[in-house]
Amino acid sequence: MLALRSRLLRPQRHGVFGVRRLLLSYSTQSNAVTDMTQRGLIAQLTSSDVIQFTNKPTTIYCGVDPTAKSLHLGNLVTLMGILHFHIRGHQTIALVGGATGSIGDPSGRQSERVPLSQQVLTANVQGIEAQIHRFFSNGTAYAQQHGFHQETVTPKVLNNYTWFQSMSALELLGEVGRYARVNTMLGKESVKTRLDSTQGISFTEFSYQLLQAYDFWHLYHKESCRIQLGGSDQWGNITAGIDMIHRKPYPQTTAEEHSQETAFGITIPLLLTSTGEKFGKSAGNAVWLDETMTSVFDFYQFFMKTQDEDVSRYLSMLTLLDSKKIDTIMQEHKVND
C-alpha cells in the first residue's frame, strides 16, 4: 500500500448483485464498469444500460468539495474509480467545488458544517487541484505498469465557481430552482436525516443539491458529460442532477432532442473498516494524502495495522492488481502468518 501511495499521489437503483449477471459478455480489461464491479467498486447504478454505454468512449465526472487543503483516503477510492475510466480512453473530469464548498454538503452529517473563509477556501482549492493533477499523472504511469496501454485523453480539472460566480440569486431561483421539486428534495436521505435531528437543516445546506444538480446539467451540455460518479452517500445528489437534465432543456435543444437525453449515475461504496467504521474528516479519522498532514510513516503504519479481513478488499479497490495476483498474495500471507 505504501508503494501505491508513492505512485498515485506524488433513478432506478441497480445494486451490485443485480448487475453481476449482466457482466459475463463484457471484457474486464475494456469495460470500466465491469472491472469496477468485480473489484467491489460499484455500489449502485442508476441504470444497467451504463455497462453497454461505456463500451465506447464517453465523458464522466466526479466532484470533491475543498473542505480541507488535502484529500483523504476516502477520496482515493472515488479517484480510483475515475482512474479506471481514464486508463480506458474516456474523457474524465474532476470537479472541485469552489462554489459548493462554501455551502456545505449535508450528506452523511448530523450537524451543520462550519463556514470557510474565502482565503481558506481558495487555499484548499489550490491544494486539491494540485493533488488531482498529480494523481492522474502518476496513476497513468502506474496503470501502464499493469498492462493498460490504451491511448488516454488528458483529464480536465474544473472548478464550479467558474459558472456560479456570475449567477445571481434570481437566476438561481428562476433557472435552477424552477425545475426542482421540493417534495423530491425532502425525500433525499441526507435531508430526512437532518430534519429528524434536533438541529434540523438550514436553507443553505438544503439547497446544496440544487447546486450539484446544476453542475451535472452544466457539464452535460458544455462538456458532453453523460455520467456522474460519486460515493454512495451522493446517490441523492446524483439523481437530482439526472432529474435536472430531464426537466431543464438547453436553449438550443429541440423538444425531440431533449426527450432523448440520457444521463447515468454510478456510486462507489464508502471505504469502511471490517467493523463498519467510515474514513474521513467528518468521521474524525481521516488518513490524509498530503504527507505534511499524515506522514509517510503514519500512512504506512495505517496499512500495516489493517485487519486481515480488510486487506483483500483494499487491494481490489485501491490497486490495479488483477484478481489472480490478489488471491496469490492472500494465500502467501496465510501461509506465512
Protein backbone atom coordinates (compact mmCIF):
# COMPACT_ATOMS: atom_id res chain seq x y z
CA MET A 1 0.00 0.00 0.00
CA LEU A 2 2.93 2.35 0.66
CA ALA A 3 4.13 1.73 -2.89
CA LEU A 4 0.62 2.51 -4.14
CA ARG A 5 0.62 5.86 -2.39
CA SER A 6 4.03 6.84 -3.75
CA ARG A 7 2.89 6.04 -7.28
CA LEU A 8 -0.53 7.62 -7.22
CA LEU A 9 -0.06 10.63 -5.02
CA ARG A 10 3.08 12.24 -6.00
CA PRO A 11 -33.49 6.94 -10.70
CA GLN A 12 -33.66 3.34 -10.54
CA ARG A 13 -31.33 1.57 -8.24
CA HIS A 14 -29.29 -1.27 -9.68
CA GLY A 15 -27.29 -2.76 -6.83
CA VAL A 16 -24.08 -4.62 -7.41
CA PHE A 17 -25.64 -8.08 -7.07
CA GLY A 18 -28.29 -7.30 -9.64
CA VAL A 19 -25.64 -6.21 -12.13
CA ARG A 20 -23.19 -9.11 -11.87
CA ARG A 21 -25.22 -11.40 -14.13
CA LEU A 22 -25.07 -8.75 -16.90
CA LEU A 23 -21.28 -8.67 -16.93
CA LEU A 24 -20.41 -12.02 -18.46
CA SER A 25 -20.46 -10.71 -22.04
CA TYR A 26 -18.15 -7.76 -21.32
CA SER A 27 -14.37 -7.71 -21.19
CA THR A 28 -12.94 -6.79 -17.80
CA GLN A 29 -9.97 -5.09 -19.41
CA SER A 30 -12.05 -2.96 -21.81
CA ASN A 31 -15.10 -2.08 -19.72
CA ALA A 32 -14.59 0.05 -16.64
CA VAL A 33 -17.94 -0.75 -15.02
CA THR A 34 -17.34 -4.49 -15.36
CA ASP A 35 -13.90 -4.32 -13.78
CA MET A 36 -15.04 -1.97 -11.02
CA THR A 37 -17.96 -4.26 -10.17
CA GLN A 38 -15.68 -7.26 -9.83
CA ARG A 39 -13.38 -5.20 -7.63
CA GLY A 40 -16.19 -4.16 -5.31
CA LEU A 41 -16.02 -0.56 -6.53
CA ILE A 42 -19.67 -0.31 -7.57
CA ALA A 43 -22.45 0.29 -5.05
CA GLN A 44 -25.33 1.32 -7.32
CA LEU A 45 -26.08 2.19 -10.95
CA THR A 46 -29.00 4.38 -11.99
CA SER A 47 -29.36 2.09 -14.99
CA SER A 48 -27.61 -1.11 -16.04
CA ASP A 49 -27.52 0.36 -19.56
CA VAL A 50 -24.39 2.24 -18.48
CA ILE A 51 -22.41 -1.01 -18.91
CA GLN A 52 -23.01 -1.14 -22.66
CA PHE A 53 -22.89 2.67 -22.89
CA THR A 54 -19.30 2.69 -21.59
CA ASN A 55 -18.10 0.22 -24.21
CA LYS A 56 -17.41 3.35 -26.26
CA PRO A 57 -15.53 6.46 -25.07
CA THR A 58 -17.68 8.91 -23.16
CA THR A 59 -17.24 11.65 -20.57
CA ILE A 60 -17.55 11.09 -16.84
CA TYR A 61 -17.03 13.34 -13.85
CA CYS A 62 -16.66 13.15 -10.11
CA GLY A 63 -16.67 16.07 -7.72
CA VAL A 64 -14.96 16.93 -4.47
CA ASP A 65 -15.57 19.89 -2.18
CA PRO A 66 -12.50 21.70 -0.82
CA THR A 67 -13.39 21.34 2.87
CA ALA A 68 -9.69 20.80 3.66
CA LYS A 69 -6.43 21.52 1.87
CA SER A 70 -5.90 17.83 1.17
CA LEU A 71 -7.88 14.84 0.01
CA HIS A 72 -8.05 11.79 2.27
CA LEU A 73 -8.14 8.03 1.93
CA GLY A 74 -11.90 8.03 1.41
CA ASN A 75 -11.48 10.33 -1.61
CA LEU A 76 -8.84 7.98 -3.01
CA VAL A 77 -11.49 5.31 -3.60
CA THR A 78 -13.51 7.67 -5.80
CA LEU A 79 -10.37 8.78 -7.63
CA MET A 80 -9.53 5.14 -8.32
CA GLY A 81 -12.99 4.81 -9.84
CA ILE A 82 -12.42 7.74 -12.19
CA LEU A 83 -8.93 6.36 -12.99
CA HIS A 84 -10.50 3.14 -14.27
CA PHE A 85 -12.31 5.22 -16.90
CA HIS A 86 -9.29 7.39 -17.70
CA ILE A 87 -6.97 4.46 -18.47
CA ARG A 88 -9.59 3.04 -20.86
CA GLY A 89 -9.70 6.16 -23.03
CA HIS A 90 -12.69 8.01 -21.58
CA GLN A 91 -12.68 11.77 -21.01
CA THR A 92 -12.57 12.27 -17.26
CA ILE A 93 -13.40 15.43 -15.34
CA ALA A 94 -12.52 16.12 -11.73
CA LEU A 95 -14.72 18.93 -10.47
CA VAL A 96 -13.50 20.91 -7.48
CA GLY A 97 -16.36 22.63 -5.66
CA GLY A 98 -15.12 26.16 -5.24
CA ALA A 99 -18.78 27.22 -5.08
CA THR A 100 -20.43 24.23 -3.40
CA GLY A 101 -17.60 24.11 -0.85
CA SER A 102 -18.80 27.42 0.52
CA ILE A 103 -22.31 25.97 1.04
CA GLY A 104 -21.62 22.58 2.59
CA ASP A 105 -22.98 19.16 1.66
CA PRO A 106 -25.27 17.75 4.39
CA SER A 107 -24.78 14.18 3.16
CA GLY A 108 -23.56 11.88 5.89
CA ARG A 109 -23.52 14.62 8.52
CA GLN A 110 -25.53 15.12 11.70
CA SER A 111 -24.63 18.80 12.10
CA GLU A 112 -24.08 21.96 10.07
CA ARG A 113 -20.65 22.46 8.53
CA VAL A 114 -18.56 25.35 9.78
CA PRO A 115 -18.38 28.01 7.01
CA LEU A 116 -14.93 28.51 5.47
CA SER A 117 -13.47 31.92 4.78
CA GLN A 118 -12.73 32.80 1.17
CA GLN A 119 -9.00 32.75 1.91
CA VAL A 120 -9.13 29.24 3.35
CA LEU A 121 -11.41 28.04 0.55
CA THR A 122 -9.03 29.37 -2.11
CA ALA A 123 -6.04 27.69 -0.46
CA ASN A 124 -7.95 24.41 -0.23
CA VAL A 125 -8.93 24.55 -3.90
CA GLN A 126 -5.33 25.09 -4.95
CA GLY A 127 -4.09 22.23 -2.80
CA ILE A 128 -6.69 19.76 -4.04
CA GLU A 129 -6.28 20.72 -7.70
CA ALA A 130 -2.54 20.06 -7.43
CA GLN A 131 -3.20 16.66 -5.81
CA ILE A 132 -5.64 15.65 -8.55
CA HIS A 133 -3.20 16.56 -11.33
CA ARG A 134 -0.50 14.55 -9.55
CA PHE A 135 -2.85 11.61 -9.08
CA PHE A 136 -3.72 11.37 -12.78
CA SER A 137 -0.09 11.74 -13.85
CA ASN A 138 1.22 9.04 -11.52
CA GLY A 139 -1.91 6.93 -11.85
CA THR A 140 -1.49 6.71 -15.62
CA ALA A 141 2.13 5.61 -15.23
CA TYR A 142 1.07 3.06 -12.60
CA ALA A 143 -1.62 1.67 -14.94
CA GLN A 144 0.89 1.23 -17.77
CA GLN A 145 3.00 -0.93 -15.46
CA HIS A 146 -0.03 -3.20 -15.10
CA GLY A 147 -0.79 -3.64 -18.77
CA PHE A 148 -3.06 -0.69 -19.53
CA HIS A 149 -1.58 0.82 -22.69
CA GLN A 150 -4.70 2.28 -24.31
CA GLU A 151 -4.36 5.85 -25.53
CA THR A 152 -5.73 8.23 -22.91
CA VAL A 153 -7.38 11.64 -23.06
CA THR A 154 -5.97 14.44 -20.92
CA PRO A 155 -8.13 14.72 -17.78
CA LYS A 156 -9.82 18.02 -17.03
CA VAL A 157 -9.78 19.61 -13.59
CA LEU A 158 -12.56 22.20 -13.35
CA ASN A 159 -13.94 24.46 -10.63
CA ASN A 160 -17.71 25.03 -10.37
CA TYR A 161 -17.09 28.55 -9.09
CA THR A 162 -16.43 29.36 -12.76
CA TRP A 163 -20.13 29.14 -13.66
CA PHE A 164 -21.67 30.06 -10.31
CA GLN A 165 -19.69 33.25 -9.65
CA SER A 166 -21.78 35.37 -12.01
CA MET A 167 -25.14 33.75 -11.23
CA SER A 168 -27.46 35.98 -9.21
CA ALA A 169 -29.96 34.75 -6.64
CA LEU A 170 -32.80 35.49 -9.05
CA GLU A 171 -31.10 33.48 -11.79
CA LEU A 172 -30.53 30.57 -9.42
CA LEU A 173 -34.19 30.53 -8.42
CA GLY A 174 -35.50 31.10 -11.93
CA GLU A 175 -33.09 28.94 -13.94
CA VAL A 176 -32.38 26.15 -11.45
CA GLY A 177 -34.90 26.16 -8.61
CA ARG A 178 -37.82 26.27 -11.05
CA TYR A 179 -37.00 22.73 -12.20
CA ALA A 180 -36.59 21.21 -8.74
CA ARG A 181 -39.47 19.70 -6.78
CA VAL A 182 -39.48 20.34 -3.03
CA ASN A 183 -41.22 17.03 -2.25
CA THR A 184 -38.42 15.21 -4.06
CA MET A 185 -35.77 17.28 -2.27
CA LEU A 186 -37.36 16.50 1.08
CA GLY A 187 -37.25 12.81 0.25
CA LYS A 188 -33.45 12.72 -0.05
CA GLU A 189 -31.89 10.66 2.73
CA SER A 190 -29.42 13.39 3.71
CA VAL A 191 -32.29 15.84 4.18
CA LYS A 192 -34.62 13.43 6.00
CA THR A 193 -31.90 12.51 8.47
CA ARG A 194 -31.23 16.13 9.33
CA LEU A 195 -34.92 17.02 9.56
CA ASP A 196 -35.32 14.31 12.15
CA SER A 197 -32.41 15.66 14.21
CA THR A 198 -32.68 18.29 16.94
CA GLN A 199 -30.56 20.74 14.95
CA GLY A 200 -32.53 20.44 11.72
CA ILE A 201 -31.11 21.72 8.45
CA SER A 202 -30.52 25.25 7.22
CA PHE A 203 -31.88 26.51 3.92
CA THR A 204 -28.26 26.86 2.78
CA GLU A 205 -27.45 23.18 3.15
CA PHE A 206 -30.93 22.19 1.98
CA SER A 207 -30.23 23.98 -1.31
CA TYR A 208 -26.88 22.21 -1.80
CA GLN A 209 -28.44 19.54 -4.00
CA LEU A 210 -29.65 22.26 -6.38
CA LEU A 211 -26.08 23.37 -6.98
CA GLN A 212 -24.75 19.86 -7.53
CA ALA A 213 -27.69 19.09 -9.81
CA TYR A 214 -26.86 22.16 -11.87
CA ASP A 215 -23.21 21.06 -12.03
CA PHE A 216 -24.27 17.88 -13.83
CA TRP A 217 -26.65 19.80 -16.10
CA HIS A 218 -23.88 22.29 -16.97
CA LEU A 219 -21.29 19.60 -17.66
CA TYR A 220 -23.82 17.57 -19.64
CA HIS A 221 -24.36 20.41 -22.09
CA LYS A 222 -20.98 22.17 -22.01
CA GLU A 223 -18.65 19.16 -21.75
CA SER A 224 -20.86 16.36 -23.19
CA CYS A 225 -20.62 14.63 -19.80
CA ARG A 226 -23.02 11.71 -19.54
CA ILE A 227 -22.02 10.05 -16.25
CA GLN A 228 -21.54 11.26 -12.70
CA LEU A 229 -19.50 9.15 -10.30
CA GLY A 230 -19.58 9.60 -6.53
CA GLY A 231 -19.59 7.94 -3.15
CA SER A 232 -22.70 6.03 -2.12
CA ASP A 233 -23.71 8.94 0.12
CA GLN A 234 -24.03 11.03 -3.06
CA TRP A 235 -26.89 8.99 -4.55
CA GLY A 236 -29.49 11.67 -3.81
CA ASN A 237 -27.38 14.48 -5.29
CA ILE A 238 -26.55 12.42 -8.38
CA THR A 239 -30.19 11.52 -9.09
CA ALA A 240 -31.11 15.18 -8.55
CA GLY A 241 -28.70 16.04 -11.37
CA ILE A 242 -30.21 13.46 -13.70
CA ASP A 243 -33.67 14.81 -12.90
CA MET A 244 -32.45 18.34 -13.67
CA ILE A 245 -31.13 17.19 -17.05
CA HIS A 246 -34.50 15.62 -17.87
CA ARG A 247 -36.54 18.62 -16.71
CA LYS A 248 -34.48 21.63 -17.80
CA PRO A 249 -33.97 21.89 -21.57
CA TYR A 250 -30.89 23.51 -23.06
CA PRO A 251 -31.75 26.69 -25.03
CA GLN A 252 -30.57 25.29 -28.39
CA THR A 253 -32.14 21.85 -27.86
CA THR A 254 -35.35 20.83 -29.62
CA ALA A 255 -38.14 19.10 -27.70
CA GLU A 256 -37.39 15.83 -29.50
CA GLU A 257 -33.68 16.04 -28.71
CA HIS A 258 -34.43 16.85 -25.09
CA SER A 259 -36.70 13.82 -24.74
CA GLN A 260 -33.86 11.56 -25.87
CA GLU A 261 -31.21 12.87 -23.49
CA THR A 262 -29.62 10.17 -21.37
CA ALA A 263 -27.52 10.52 -18.24
CA PHE A 264 -26.22 7.96 -15.76
CA GLY A 265 -25.08 7.83 -12.18
CA ILE A 266 -22.61 5.45 -10.57
CA THR A 267 -21.91 5.28 -6.87
CA ILE A 268 -18.90 3.76 -5.15
CA PRO A 269 -19.06 2.14 -1.71
CA LEU A 270 -17.72 4.27 1.10
CA LEU A 271 -14.41 2.99 2.39
CA LEU A 272 -15.18 1.22 5.65
CA THR A 273 -13.23 -0.95 8.03
CA SER A 274 -14.36 -4.50 8.75
CA THR A 275 -16.18 -3.08 11.78
CA GLY A 276 -18.17 -0.68 9.58
CA GLU A 277 -16.23 2.45 10.53
CA LYS A 278 -16.08 5.19 7.91
CA PHE A 279 -12.92 7.03 6.95
CA GLY A 280 -12.91 10.78 6.51
CA LYS A 281 -12.67 14.20 8.05
CA SER A 282 -16.28 14.10 9.25
CA ALA A 283 -15.68 10.75 10.92
CA GLY A 284 -12.64 12.19 12.71
CA ASN A 285 -10.22 9.50 11.49
CA ALA A 286 -9.02 10.90 8.17
CA VAL A 287 -5.85 9.48 6.67
CA TRP A 288 -4.67 12.40 4.56
CA LEU A 289 -2.99 12.11 1.18
CA ASP A 290 -0.74 15.06 1.97
CA GLU A 291 2.49 13.96 3.66
CA THR A 292 2.56 17.16 5.72
CA MET A 293 -0.77 16.17 7.31
CA THR A 294 -0.28 12.40 7.52
CA SER A 295 3.37 11.42 7.44
CA VAL A 296 4.60 8.65 5.16
CA PHE A 297 5.40 6.63 8.29
CA ASP A 298 1.89 7.03 9.71
CA PHE A 299 0.36 6.22 6.34
CA TYR A 300 2.47 3.07 6.17
CA GLN A 301 1.59 2.13 9.73
CA PHE A 302 -2.12 2.53 9.00
CA PHE A 303 -1.98 -0.20 6.37
CA MET A 304 0.42 -2.34 8.38
CA LYS A 305 -2.20 -2.39 11.15
CA THR A 306 -5.04 -3.23 8.76
CA GLN A 307 -7.11 -6.22 9.81
CA ASP A 308 -6.54 -9.31 7.66
CA GLU A 309 -10.18 -9.36 6.56
CA ASP A 310 -9.77 -5.85 5.08
CA VAL A 311 -6.57 -6.48 3.09
CA SER A 312 -8.05 -8.30 0.09
CA ARG A 313 -10.79 -5.68 -0.28
CA TYR A 314 -8.30 -2.80 -0.08
CA LEU A 315 -6.06 -4.44 -2.69
CA SER A 316 -9.03 -4.80 -5.05
CA MET A 317 -10.27 -1.26 -4.54
CA LEU A 318 -7.02 0.68 -4.22
CA THR A 319 -4.74 -1.07 -6.73
CA LEU A 320 -4.88 -2.34 -10.30
CA LEU A 321 -3.66 -5.82 -9.39
CA ASP A 322 -5.77 -8.50 -11.06
CA SER A 323 -7.82 -10.93 -9.00
CA LYS A 324 -5.40 -13.83 -9.52
CA LYS A 325 -2.50 -11.78 -8.22
CA ILE A 326 -4.50 -10.67 -5.19
CA ASP A 327 -5.54 -14.27 -4.47
CA THR A 328 -1.89 -15.32 -4.65
CA ILE A 329 -0.86 -12.55 -2.25
CA MET A 330 -3.55 -13.55 0.23
CA GLN A 331 -2.67 -17.24 0.04
CA GLU A 332 1.02 -16.47 0.65
CA HIS A 333 0.02 -14.28 3.57
CA LYS A 334 -1.99 -17.10 5.17
CA VAL A 335 0.94 -19.50 4.75
CA ASN A 336 3.40 -17.06 6.31
CA ASP A 337 1.06 -15.86 9.05
